[in-house]
Amino acid sequence: MSISTPYILFGALISAILYRLYVRLKRISIAHIPGPESPSFILGNLAQLVEGQAAETEFKWQGQYGDIVKFKGIFGEDRLLISDPKALQYIYQTSGYRFVKQPERREISRLTSGRGIVWAEGETHKRQRKVMLPGFSGSEARYYQPVFSACAARMVEKWKGDILSSGQEWNMINVPHWASRCTLDAIGEGAITKL
């Protein structure tokens, strides 16, 4: 005796509903975490984040809702803003490899600084970190601290000179460009000093 198509479709529908219900009940819910209402389903709260001064909205939300804030991303995606020191230590230090980077953040890292340690995840990140770690031990950092401080002081003096020579109270500074140059200077001076 054969089962008719409507019964098969009905069984598949019931199975899909039961599976979705199971997944919903088993996942960790962040519905109880406070946060701002989303003004738009399409953009969520992202428009609020880019308005005004840097971090102005984040600080306002932190003062209003606490150290962990739930807000909406594009198409109603739940996102968390975490500023609790213990939670950040857990995320970045204790269990860092359990928290994957957002794809758009990884792509921005790849475009701005290449496929380096900031871009890498998982085993690639572990391998790169293992190679770099000896150069950043406590004794090495103490040894290079005067070199880093001198490079940073020269960069600040250059910025002050640019602001004073512009004749205005302010001047636009390309910080990533200068930070990259300062980093290369510090690495070069550190390598020569170490020899």
C-alpha atoms as a PDB file:
ATOM      1  CA  MET A   1       0.000   0.000   0.000  1.00  0.00           C
ATOM      2  CA  SER A   2       1.480   3.358  -1.010  1.00  0.00           C
ATOM      3  CA  ILE A   3       1.345   6.554   1.014  1.00  0.00           C
ATOM      4  CA  SER A   4      -0.138   9.472  -0.873  1.00  0.00           C
ATOM      5  CA  THR A   5       1.717  12.715  -1.518  1.00  0.00           C
ATOM      6  CA  PRO A   6      -0.425  14.875   0.850  1.00  0.00           C
ATOM      7  CA  TYR A   7       0.473  12.600   3.779  1.00  0.00           C
ATOM      8  CA  ILE A   8       4.175  12.820   2.928  1.00  0.00           C
ATOM      9  CA  LEU A   9       4.002  16.617   2.687  1.00  0.00           C
ATOM     10  CA  PHE A  10       2.041  16.826   5.942  1.00  0.00           C
ATOM     11  CA  GLY A  11       4.610  14.599   7.685  1.00  0.00           C
ATOM     12  CA  ALA A  12       7.490  16.705   6.332  1.00  0.00           C
ATOM     13  CA  LEU A  13       5.776  19.902   7.507  1.00  0.00           C
ATOM     14  CA  ILE A  14       5.199  18.506  11.012  1.00  0.00           C
ATOM     15  CA  SER A  15       8.819  17.279  11.141  1.00  0.00           C
ATOM     16  CA  ALA A  16      10.111  20.713  10.093  1.00  0.00           C
ATOM     17  CA  ILE A  17       7.959  22.453  12.725  1.00  0.00           C
ATOM     18  CA  LEU A  18       9.107  20.056  15.454  1.00  0.00           C
ATOM     19  CA  TYR A  19      12.749  20.510  14.430  1.00  0.00           C
ATOM     20  CA  ARG A  20      12.456  24.336  14.502  1.00  0.00           C
ATOM     21  CA  LEU A  21      10.785  24.142  17.910  1.00  0.00           C
ATOM     22  CA  TYR A  22      13.573  21.872  19.202  1.00  0.00           C
ATOM     23  CA  VAL A  23      16.284  24.220  17.913  1.00  0.00           C
ATOM     24  CA  ARG A  24      14.484  27.222  19.392  1.00  0.00           C
ATOM     25  CA  LEU A  25      14.201  25.604  22.816  1.00  0.00           C
ATOM     26  CA  LYS A  26      17.815  24.377  22.869  1.00  0.00           C
ATOM     27  CA  ARG A  27      19.538  27.611  21.850  1.00  0.00           C
ATOM     28  CA  ILE A  28      20.594  30.270  24.315  1.00  0.00           C
ATOM     29  CA  SER A  29      18.141  33.146  24.322  1.00  0.00           C
ATOM     30  CA  ILE A  30      19.198  36.766  24.619  1.00  0.00           C
ATOM     31  CA  ALA A  31      15.601  38.026  24.640  1.00  0.00           C
ATOM     32  CA  HIS A  32      15.842  39.073  28.309  1.00  0.00           C
ATOM     33  CA  ILE A  33      18.842  41.369  27.738  1.00  0.00           C
ATOM     34  CA  PRO A  34      17.784  45.039  27.701  1.00  0.00           C
ATOM     35  CA  GLY A  35      18.427  47.313  24.776  1.00  0.00           C
ATOM     36  CA  PRO A  36      16.982  50.037  22.558  1.00  0.00           C
ATOM     37  CA  GLU A  37      13.981  49.530  20.315  1.00  0.00           C
ATOM     38  CA  SER A  38      14.822  49.122  16.657  1.00  0.00           C
ATOM     39  CA  PRO A  39      13.513  51.969  14.498  1.00  0.00           C
ATOM     40  CA  SER A  40      13.848  49.918  11.300  1.00  0.00           C
ATOM     41  CA  PHE A  41      13.683  46.222  10.450  1.00  0.00           C
ATOM     42  CA  ILE A  42      16.022  46.693   7.483  1.00  0.00           C
ATOM     43  CA  LEU A  43      18.770  48.736   9.200  1.00  0.00           C
ATOM     44  CA  GLY A  44      18.009  47.898  12.826  1.00  0.00           C
ATOM     45  CA  ASN A  45      19.892  50.194  15.209  1.00  0.00           C
ATOM     46  CA  LEU A  46      22.935  50.531  12.924  1.00  0.00           C
ATOM     47  CA  ALA A  47      21.898  54.010  11.750  1.00  0.00           C
ATOM     48  CA  GLN A  48      21.992  55.194  15.371  1.00  0.00           C
ATOM     49  CA  LEU A  49      25.507  53.779  15.781  1.00  0.00           C
ATOM     50  CA  VAL A  50      26.983  55.836  12.933  1.00  0.00           C
ATOM     51  CA  GLU A  51      25.274  59.097  13.888  1.00  0.00           C
ATOM     52  CA  GLY A  52      27.109  61.654  16.008  1.00  0.00           C
ATOM     53  CA  GLN A  53      30.568  61.364  17.499  1.00  0.00           C
ATOM     54  CA  ALA A  54      32.480  58.096  17.794  1.00  0.00           C
ATOM     55  CA  ALA A  55      31.099  55.856  20.573  1.00  0.00           C
ATOM     56  CA  GLU A  56      28.543  58.485  21.641  1.00  0.00           C
ATOM     57  CA  THR A  57      25.618  56.101  21.092  1.00  0.00           C
ATOM     58  CA  GLU A  58      27.427  53.170  22.697  1.00  0.00           C
ATOM     59  CA  PHE A  59      28.177  55.167  25.858  1.00  0.00           C
ATOM     60  CA  LYS A  60      24.557  56.374  25.995  1.00  0.00           C
ATOM     61  CA  TRP A  61      23.281  52.784  25.712  1.00  0.00           C
ATOM     62  CA  GLN A  62      25.773  51.600  28.318  1.00  0.00           C
ATOM     63  CA  GLY A  63      24.555  54.252  30.768  1.00  0.00           C
ATOM     64  CA  GLN A  64      20.926  53.472  30.007  1.00  0.00           C
ATOM     65  CA  TYR A  65      20.935  49.654  29.767  1.00  0.00           C
ATOM     66  CA  GLY A  66      24.122  48.481  31.530  1.00  0.00           C
ATOM     67  CA  ASP A  67      27.308  46.688  30.500  1.00  0.00           C
ATOM     68  CA  ILE A  68      25.592  44.235  28.126  1.00  0.00           C
ATOM     69  CA  VAL A  69      23.181  45.698  25.578  1.00  0.00           C
ATOM     70  CA  LYS A  70      21.139  43.892  22.931  1.00  0.00           C
ATOM     71  CA  PHE A  71      20.502  45.828  19.722  1.00  0.00           C
ATOM     72  CA  LYS A  72      19.308  44.964  16.239  1.00  0.00           C
ATOM     73  CA  GLY A  73      21.494  44.631  13.188  1.00  0.00           C
ATOM     74  CA  ILE A  74      20.463  44.400   9.556  1.00  0.00           C
ATOM     75  CA  PHE A  75      17.166  42.539   8.981  1.00  0.00           C
ATOM     76  CA  GLY A  76      16.458  42.164  12.704  1.00  0.00           C
ATOM     77  CA  GLU A  77      19.629  40.227  13.549  1.00  0.00           C
ATOM     78  CA  ASP A  78      20.329  40.294  17.294  1.00  0.00           C
ATOM     79  CA  ARG A  79      23.707  41.764  18.256  1.00  0.00           C
ATOM     80  CA  LEU A  80      25.335  42.357  21.603  1.00  0.00           C
ATOM     81  CA  LEU A  81      27.358  45.330  22.805  1.00  0.00           C
ATOM     82  CA  ILE A  82      29.531  44.076  25.662  1.00  0.00           C
ATOM     83  CA  SER A  83      31.513  46.406  27.911  1.00  0.00           C
ATOM     84  CA  ASP A  84      31.689  44.314  31.084  1.00  0.00           C
ATOM     85  CA  PRO A  85      35.402  43.702  31.871  1.00  0.00           C
ATOM     86  CA  LYS A  86      34.908  40.105  33.084  1.00  0.00           C
ATOM     87  CA  ALA A  87      32.826  39.208  30.008  1.00  0.00           C
ATOM     88  CA  LEU A  88      35.405  40.788  27.696  1.00  0.00           C
ATOM     89  CA  GLN A  89      38.206  38.877  29.406  1.00  0.00           C
ATOM     90  CA  TYR A  90      36.270  35.649  28.883  1.00  0.00           C
ATOM     91  CA  ILE A  91      35.593  36.440  25.213  1.00  0.00           C
ATOM     92  CA  TYR A  92      39.059  37.670  24.234  1.00  0.00           C
ATOM     93  CA  GLN A  93      41.337  35.704  26.523  1.00  0.00           C
ATOM     94  CA  THR A  94      39.749  32.651  28.124  1.00  0.00           C
ATOM     95  CA  SER A  95      37.570  31.342  25.280  1.00  0.00           C
ATOM     96  CA  GLY A  96      38.535  33.522  22.340  1.00  0.00           C
ATOM     97  CA  TYR A  97      38.393  30.780  19.725  1.00  0.00           C
ATOM     98  CA  ARG A  98      34.748  29.997  20.539  1.00  0.00           C
ATOM     99  CA  PHE A  99      33.674  33.460  19.368  1.00  0.00           C
ATOM    100  CA  VAL A 100      34.074  33.906  15.620  1.00  0.00           C
ATOM    101  CA  LYS A 101      34.643  37.292  14.034  1.00  0.00           C
ATOM    102  CA  GLN A 102      31.878  38.797  11.936  1.00  0.00           C
ATOM    103  CA  PRO A 103      32.481  38.171   8.212  1.00  0.00           C
ATOM    104  CA  GLU A 104      32.267  41.883   7.364  1.00  0.00           C
ATOM    105  CA  ARG A 105      34.841  42.725  10.075  1.00  0.00           C
ATOM    106  CA  ARG A 106      37.209  40.054   8.748  1.00  0.00           C
ATOM    107  CA  GLU A 107      36.847  41.433   5.220  1.00  0.00           C
ATOM    108  CA  ILE A 108      37.590  44.977   6.421  1.00  0.00           C
ATOM    109  CA  SER A 109      40.683  43.634   8.240  1.00  0.00           C
ATOM    110  CA  ARG A 110      41.803  41.812   5.100  1.00  0.00           C
ATOM    111  CA  LEU A 111      41.380  44.925   2.953  1.00  0.00           C
ATOM    112  CA  THR A 112      43.129  47.281   5.383  1.00  0.00           C
ATOM    113  CA  SER A 113      45.952  45.120   6.718  1.00  0.00           C
ATOM    114  CA  GLY A 114      46.032  41.928   4.675  1.00  0.00           C
ATOM    115  CA  ARG A 115      45.682  38.335   5.818  1.00  0.00           C
ATOM    116  CA  GLY A 116      47.584  38.869   9.058  1.00  0.00           C
ATOM    117  CA  ILE A 117      46.875  38.047  12.676  1.00  0.00           C
ATOM    118  CA  VAL A 118      43.966  40.513  12.903  1.00  0.00           C
ATOM    119  CA  TRP A 119      42.240  38.778   9.978  1.00  0.00           C
ATOM    120  CA  ALA A 120      43.074  35.175  10.907  1.00  0.00           C
ATOM    121  CA  GLU A 121      40.841  32.801  12.852  1.00  0.00           C
ATOM    122  CA  GLY A 122      41.041  29.309  14.277  1.00  0.00           C
ATOM    123  CA  GLU A 123      44.142  27.242  13.525  1.00  0.00           C
ATOM    124  CA  THR A 124      45.652  29.948  11.282  1.00  0.00           C
ATOM    125  CA  HIS A 125      45.410  32.475  14.127  1.00  0.00           C
ATOM    126  CA  LYS A 126      46.881  29.992  16.628  1.00  0.00           C
ATOM    127  CA  ARG A 127      49.833  29.321  14.316  1.00  0.00           C
ATOM    128  CA  GLN A 128      50.514  33.033  13.690  1.00  0.00           C
ATOM    129  CA  ARG A 129      50.161  33.837  17.380  1.00  0.00           C
ATOM    130  CA  LYS A 130      52.550  31.045  18.361  1.00  0.00           C
ATOM    131  CA  VAL A 131      55.181  32.437  15.975  1.00  0.00           C
ATOM    132  CA  MET A 132      54.781  36.017  17.208  1.00  0.00           C
ATOM    133  CA  LEU A 133      54.370  35.388  20.944  1.00  0.00           C
ATOM    134  CA  PRO A 134      58.064  35.097  21.945  1.00  0.00           C
ATOM    135  CA  GLY A 135      58.727  38.608  20.629  1.00  0.00           C
ATOM    136  CA  PHE A 136      56.063  40.043  22.934  1.00  0.00           C
ATOM    137  CA  SER A 137      57.015  38.425  26.237  1.00  0.00           C
ATOM    138  CA  GLY A 138      57.328  40.614  29.335  1.00  0.00           C
ATOM    139  CA  SER A 139      61.095  40.964  29.138  1.00  0.00           C
ATOM    140  CA  GLU A 140      61.006  41.783  25.414  1.00  0.00           C
ATOM    141  CA  ALA A 141      58.269  44.378  25.901  1.00  0.00           C
ATOM    142  CA  ARG A 142      60.233  46.050  28.712  1.00  0.00           C
ATOM    143  CA  TYR A 143      63.336  46.100  26.525  1.00  0.00           C
ATOM    144  CA  TYR A 144      61.522  47.797  23.617  1.00  0.00           C
ATOM    145  CA  GLN A 145      59.366  50.167  25.676  1.00  0.00           C
ATOM    146  CA  PRO A 146      61.789  53.134  25.352  1.00  0.00           C
ATOM    147  CA  VAL A 147      61.938  52.619  21.564  1.00  0.00           C
ATOM    148  CA  PHE A 148      58.122  52.545  21.294  1.00  0.00           C
ATOM    149  CA  SER A 149      57.774  55.601  23.540  1.00  0.00           C
ATOM    150  CA  ALA A 150      60.301  57.588  21.506  1.00  0.00           C
ATOM    151  CA  CYS A 151      58.567  56.724  18.217  1.00  0.00           C
ATOM    152  CA  ALA A 152      55.157  57.660  19.654  1.00  0.00           C
ATOM    153  CA  ALA A 153      56.564  60.968  20.988  1.00  0.00           C
ATOM    154  CA  ARG A 154      58.024  61.816  17.536  1.00  0.00           C
ATOM    155  CA  MET A 155      54.665  61.033  15.914  1.00  0.00           C
ATOM    156  CA  VAL A 156      52.818  63.301  18.383  1.00  0.00           C
ATOM    157  CA  GLU A 157      55.318  66.112  17.760  1.00  0.00           C
ATOM    158  CA  LYS A 158      54.776  65.730  14.000  1.00  0.00           C
ATOM    159  CA  TRP A 159      51.010  65.938  14.521  1.00  0.00           C
ATOM    160  CA  LYS A 160      51.399  69.053  16.688  1.00  0.00           C
ATOM    161  CA  GLY A 161      53.573  70.635  13.999  1.00  0.00           C
ATOM    162  CA  ASP A 162      50.986  69.851  11.313  1.00  0.00           C
ATOM    163  CA  ILE A 163      48.213  71.400  13.419  1.00  0.00           C
ATOM    164  CA  LEU A 164      50.243  74.539  14.196  1.00  0.00           C
ATOM    165  CA  SER A 165      51.348  74.984  10.575  1.00  0.00           C
ATOM    166  CA  SER A 166      47.777  74.695   9.294  1.00  0.00           C
ATOM    167  CA  GLY A 167      46.834  77.944  11.062  1.00  0.00           C
ATOM    168  CA  GLN A 168      43.603  76.390  12.348  1.00  0.00           C
ATOM    169  CA  GLU A 169      42.614  74.987  15.713  1.00  0.00           C
ATOM    170  CA  TRP A 170      42.235  71.546  14.191  1.00  0.00           C
ATOM    171  CA  ASN A 171      43.614  69.461  11.362  1.00  0.00           C
ATOM    172  CA  MET A 172      42.543  66.163   9.847  1.00  0.00           C
ATOM    173  CA  ILE A 173      45.125  63.442  10.532  1.00  0.00           C
ATOM    174  CA  ASN A 174      45.273  60.077   8.791  1.00  0.00           C
ATOM    175  CA  VAL A 175      45.894  58.041  11.959  1.00  0.00           C
ATOM    176  CA  PRO A 176      46.203  54.576  10.321  1.00  0.00           C
ATOM    177  CA  HIS A 177      48.850  55.933   7.931  1.00  0.00           C
ATOM    178  CA  TRP A 178      50.882  57.494  10.743  1.00  0.00           C
ATOM    179  CA  ALA A 179      50.418  54.514  13.087  1.00  0.00           C
ATOM    180  CA  SER A 180      51.717  52.223  10.349  1.00  0.00           C
ATOM    181  CA  ARG A 181      54.763  54.444   9.799  1.00  0.00           C
ATOM    182  CA  CYS A 182      55.409  54.669  13.545  1.00  0.00           C
ATOM    183  CA  THR A 183      55.132  50.889  13.882  1.00  0.00           C
ATOM    184  CA  LEU A 184      57.619  50.322  11.067  1.00  0.00           C
ATOM    185  CA  ASP A 185      59.999  52.873  12.615  1.00  0.00           C
ATOM    186  CA  ALA A 186      59.758  51.168  16.001  1.00  0.00           C
ATOM    187  CA  ILE A 187      60.349  47.723  14.493  1.00  0.00           C
ATOM    188  CA  GLY A 188      63.327  49.006  12.522  1.00  0.00           C
ATOM    189  CA  GLU A 189      64.853  50.817  15.502  1.00  0.00           C
ATOM    190  CA  GLY A 190      64.179  47.835  17.754  1.00  0.00           C
ATOM    191  CA  ALA A 191      65.846  45.446  15.344  1.00  0.00           C
ATOM    192  CA  ILE A 192      68.914  47.702  15.006  1.00  0.00           C
ATOM    193  CA  THR A 193      69.075  48.281  18.794  1.00  0.00           C
ATOM    194  CA  LYS A 194      68.869  44.531  19.436  1.00  0.00           C
ATOM    195  CA  LEU A 195      71.848  43.878  17.125  1.00  0.00           C
END
